[in-house]
């Protein structure tokens, strides 16, 4: 089952963090894995607000053979990303932040994918897997 949460304010980011934590606990993820994905989710949600003008987060429990996981998808209709490799470079920022959001989220997740084009918005998908 997929949950869709709006991302239009800082309060929405707080709600997202809580929902991700609750989902991770329910699936039996340990504290370290929870912290990694909550941190990545927070960074990506803030990017959705700051650079994409808001959007939504989709949370889904997923299965792939002997492993189960949590997939988070961040969707916005903003300006898109011109240069993905540059955007993933630590220290690069187009908005005055620390420039660790996308690259940091990629390092914290087990799976990471960006679908974007200039003028066409951005979708960032991350996942954390657990063997059962």
C-alpha atoms as a PDB file:
ATOM      1  CA  UNK A   1       0.000   0.000   0.000  1.00  0.00           C
ATOM      2  CA  UNK A   2       1.290   3.452  -0.895  1.00  0.00           C
ATOM      3  CA  UNK A   3       0.860   6.559   1.213  1.00  0.00           C
ATOM      4  CA  UNK A   4       0.984   9.987  -0.401  1.00  0.00           C
ATOM      5  CA  UNK A   5       1.960  12.935   1.761  1.00  0.00           C
ATOM      6  CA  UNK A   6       1.936  16.572   0.586  1.00  0.00           C
ATOM      7  CA  UNK A   7       5.162  18.566   0.812  1.00  0.00           C
ATOM      8  CA  UNK A   8       4.229  22.247   0.946  1.00  0.00           C
ATOM      9  CA  UNK A   9       5.556  23.377   4.353  1.00  0.00           C
ATOM     10  CA  UNK A  10       8.082  22.591   7.070  1.00  0.00           C
ATOM     11  CA  UNK A  11       5.253  20.952   9.024  1.00  0.00           C
ATOM     12  CA  UNK A  12       4.760  18.533   6.126  1.00  0.00           C
ATOM     13  CA  UNK A  13       8.450  17.575   6.393  1.00  0.00           C
ATOM     14  CA  UNK A  14       7.974  16.835  10.102  1.00  0.00           C
ATOM     15  CA  UNK A  15       4.929  14.651   9.312  1.00  0.00           C
ATOM     16  CA  UNK A  16       6.914  12.826   6.621  1.00  0.00           C
ATOM     17  CA  UNK A  17       9.780  12.110   9.028  1.00  0.00           C
ATOM     18  CA  UNK A  18       7.341  10.639  11.563  1.00  0.00           C
ATOM     19  CA  UNK A  19       5.614   8.486   8.955  1.00  0.00           C
ATOM     20  CA  UNK A  20       8.938   7.175   7.629  1.00  0.00           C
ATOM     21  CA  UNK A  21      10.066   6.349  11.182  1.00  0.00           C
ATOM     22  CA  UNK A  22       6.772   4.570  11.944  1.00  0.00           C
ATOM     23  CA  UNK A  23       7.038   2.560   8.710  1.00  0.00           C
ATOM     24  CA  UNK A  24      10.662   1.594   9.391  1.00  0.00           C
ATOM     25  CA  UNK A  25       9.853   0.480  12.965  1.00  0.00           C
ATOM     26  CA  UNK A  26       6.868  -1.562  11.757  1.00  0.00           C
ATOM     27  CA  UNK A  27       9.135  -3.352   9.260  1.00  0.00           C
ATOM     28  CA  UNK A  28      11.739  -4.164  11.908  1.00  0.00           C
ATOM     29  CA  UNK A  29      14.551  -1.907  10.728  1.00  0.00           C
ATOM     30  CA  UNK A  30      17.177  -1.061  13.337  1.00  0.00           C
ATOM     31  CA  UNK A  31      17.917   2.404  14.657  1.00  0.00           C
ATOM     32  CA  UNK A  32      20.892   2.997  12.338  1.00  0.00           C
ATOM     33  CA  UNK A  33      18.879   2.154   9.212  1.00  0.00           C
ATOM     34  CA  UNK A  34      15.984   4.270  10.465  1.00  0.00           C
ATOM     35  CA  UNK A  35      18.271   7.232  11.064  1.00  0.00           C
ATOM     36  CA  UNK A  36      19.862   6.957   7.617  1.00  0.00           C
ATOM     37  CA  UNK A  37      16.574   6.887   5.729  1.00  0.00           C
ATOM     38  CA  UNK A  38      14.888   9.534   7.886  1.00  0.00           C
ATOM     39  CA  UNK A  39      17.877  11.804   7.259  1.00  0.00           C
ATOM     40  CA  UNK A  40      17.771  11.138   3.500  1.00  0.00           C
ATOM     41  CA  UNK A  41      13.998  11.674   3.446  1.00  0.00           C
ATOM     42  CA  UNK A  42      14.348  14.965   5.279  1.00  0.00           C
ATOM     43  CA  UNK A  43      16.987  16.224   2.829  1.00  0.00           C
ATOM     44  CA  UNK A  44      14.950  15.200  -0.214  1.00  0.00           C
ATOM     45  CA  UNK A  45      11.731  16.667   1.216  1.00  0.00           C
ATOM     46  CA  UNK A  46      13.487  19.978   1.851  1.00  0.00           C
ATOM     47  CA  UNK A  47      14.851  19.930  -1.710  1.00  0.00           C
ATOM     48  CA  UNK A  48      11.308  19.316  -2.964  1.00  0.00           C
ATOM     49  CA  UNK A  49      10.178  22.422  -1.069  1.00  0.00           C
ATOM     50  CA  UNK A  50      13.160  24.676  -1.779  1.00  0.00           C
ATOM     51  CA  UNK A  51      13.941  23.861  -5.399  1.00  0.00           C
ATOM     52  CA  UNK A  52      10.766  22.197  -6.678  1.00  0.00           C
ATOM     53  CA  UNK A  53       8.260  24.597  -5.151  1.00  0.00           C
ATOM     54  CA  UNK A  54       6.633  21.780  -3.168  1.00  0.00           C
ATOM     55  CA  UNK A  55       5.172  18.497  -4.264  1.00  0.00           C
ATOM     56  CA  UNK A  56       4.543  15.170  -2.617  1.00  0.00           C
ATOM     57  CA  UNK A  57       6.231  12.168  -1.058  1.00  0.00           C
ATOM     58  CA  UNK A  58       5.075   8.632  -1.737  1.00  0.00           C
ATOM     59  CA  UNK A  59       5.904   5.927   0.799  1.00  0.00           C
ATOM     60  CA  UNK A  60       5.521   2.270  -0.150  1.00  0.00           C
ATOM     61  CA  UNK A  61       6.540  -1.077   1.238  1.00  0.00           C
ATOM     62  CA  UNK A  62       8.149  -3.054  -1.579  1.00  0.00           C
ATOM     63  CA  UNK A  63       9.269  -6.658  -2.105  1.00  0.00           C
ATOM     64  CA  UNK A  64      12.025  -8.024  -4.308  1.00  0.00           C
ATOM     65  CA  UNK A  65      12.526 -11.748  -3.870  1.00  0.00           C
ATOM     66  CA  UNK A  66      13.909 -12.507  -0.402  1.00  0.00           C
ATOM     67  CA  UNK A  67      14.123  -8.873   0.591  1.00  0.00           C
ATOM     68  CA  UNK A  68      11.581  -6.303   1.605  1.00  0.00           C
ATOM     69  CA  UNK A  69      12.078  -2.612   1.819  1.00  0.00           C
ATOM     70  CA  UNK A  70      10.726   0.844   2.080  1.00  0.00           C
ATOM     71  CA  UNK A  71      10.628   2.980  -1.050  1.00  0.00           C
ATOM     72  CA  UNK A  72      10.306   6.752  -0.869  1.00  0.00           C
ATOM     73  CA  UNK A  73       9.532   8.828  -3.927  1.00  0.00           C
ATOM     74  CA  UNK A  74       9.728  12.637  -3.949  1.00  0.00           C
ATOM     75  CA  UNK A  75       7.865  14.307  -6.807  1.00  0.00           C
ATOM     76  CA  UNK A  76       7.761  17.969  -7.792  1.00  0.00           C
ATOM     77  CA  UNK A  77       6.800  19.994 -10.860  1.00  0.00           C
ATOM     78  CA  UNK A  78       9.654  22.472 -10.462  1.00  0.00           C
ATOM     79  CA  UNK A  79      12.288  23.584 -12.965  1.00  0.00           C
ATOM     80  CA  UNK A  80      14.120  20.239 -13.065  1.00  0.00           C
ATOM     81  CA  UNK A  81      17.845  19.638 -12.776  1.00  0.00           C
ATOM     82  CA  UNK A  82      20.084  20.670 -15.672  1.00  0.00           C
ATOM     83  CA  UNK A  83      23.185  18.660 -14.724  1.00  0.00           C
ATOM     84  CA  UNK A  84      22.595  15.604 -12.511  1.00  0.00           C
ATOM     85  CA  UNK A  85      26.297  14.675 -12.015  1.00  0.00           C
ATOM     86  CA  UNK A  86      27.016  18.243 -10.923  1.00  0.00           C
ATOM     87  CA  UNK A  87      23.985  18.274  -8.611  1.00  0.00           C
ATOM     88  CA  UNK A  88      25.266  15.066  -6.959  1.00  0.00           C
ATOM     89  CA  UNK A  89      28.677  16.623  -6.278  1.00  0.00           C
ATOM     90  CA  UNK A  90      29.230  17.400  -2.594  1.00  0.00           C
ATOM     91  CA  UNK A  91      29.418  21.124  -2.040  1.00  0.00           C
ATOM     92  CA  UNK A  92      27.425  22.056  -5.153  1.00  0.00           C
ATOM     93  CA  UNK A  93      24.311  24.089  -4.427  1.00  0.00           C
ATOM     94  CA  UNK A  94      22.043  26.213  -6.538  1.00  0.00           C
ATOM     95  CA  UNK A  95      20.286  27.714  -3.557  1.00  0.00           C
ATOM     96  CA  UNK A  96      22.785  28.617  -0.846  1.00  0.00           C
ATOM     97  CA  UNK A  97      22.610  25.366   1.146  1.00  0.00           C
ATOM     98  CA  UNK A  98      25.489  23.098   2.122  1.00  0.00           C
ATOM     99  CA  UNK A  99      25.251  21.118  -1.111  1.00  0.00           C
ATOM    100  CA  UNK A 100      25.015  17.726   0.610  1.00  0.00           C
ATOM    101  CA  UNK A 101      21.331  16.870  -0.003  1.00  0.00           C
ATOM    102  CA  UNK A 102      21.288  14.761  -3.166  1.00  0.00           C
ATOM    103  CA  UNK A 103      24.720  13.171  -2.768  1.00  0.00           C
ATOM    104  CA  UNK A 104      24.141  12.565   0.926  1.00  0.00           C
ATOM    105  CA  UNK A 105      20.748  10.976   0.281  1.00  0.00           C
ATOM    106  CA  UNK A 106      22.323   8.723  -2.352  1.00  0.00           C
ATOM    107  CA  UNK A 107      24.957   7.522   0.130  1.00  0.00           C
ATOM    108  CA  UNK A 108      22.390   6.872   2.871  1.00  0.00           C
ATOM    109  CA  UNK A 109      20.026   4.770   0.726  1.00  0.00           C
ATOM    110  CA  UNK A 110      20.459   1.302  -0.782  1.00  0.00           C
ATOM    111  CA  UNK A 111      18.886   2.418  -4.064  1.00  0.00           C
ATOM    112  CA  UNK A 112      18.730   5.886  -5.605  1.00  0.00           C
ATOM    113  CA  UNK A 113      17.289   7.154  -8.882  1.00  0.00           C
ATOM    114  CA  UNK A 114      16.603  10.622 -10.304  1.00  0.00           C
ATOM    115  CA  UNK A 115      14.193  11.269 -13.165  1.00  0.00           C
ATOM    116  CA  UNK A 116      14.354  14.906 -14.249  1.00  0.00           C
ATOM    117  CA  UNK A 117      14.590  17.243 -17.191  1.00  0.00           C
ATOM    118  CA  UNK A 118      14.843  21.013 -17.421  1.00  0.00           C
ATOM    119  CA  UNK A 119      11.337  22.441 -17.136  1.00  0.00           C
ATOM    120  CA  UNK A 120       9.779  19.038 -16.425  1.00  0.00           C
ATOM    121  CA  UNK A 121      10.078  18.631 -12.651  1.00  0.00           C
ATOM    122  CA  UNK A 122      12.029  16.062 -10.681  1.00  0.00           C
ATOM    123  CA  UNK A 123      11.297  12.668  -9.162  1.00  0.00           C
ATOM    124  CA  UNK A 124      13.856  11.208  -6.755  1.00  0.00           C
ATOM    125  CA  UNK A 125      13.334   7.627  -5.586  1.00  0.00           C
ATOM    126  CA  UNK A 126      15.245   5.997  -2.754  1.00  0.00           C
ATOM    127  CA  UNK A 127      14.881   2.615  -1.058  1.00  0.00           C
ATOM    128  CA  UNK A 128      16.214   0.799   1.978  1.00  0.00           C
ATOM    129  CA  UNK A 129      16.249  -3.006   1.821  1.00  0.00           C
ATOM    130  CA  UNK A 130      16.044  -5.640   4.557  1.00  0.00           C
ATOM    131  CA  UNK A 131      16.626  -9.355   4.114  1.00  0.00           C
ATOM    132  CA  UNK A 132      13.986 -11.578   5.769  1.00  0.00           C
END
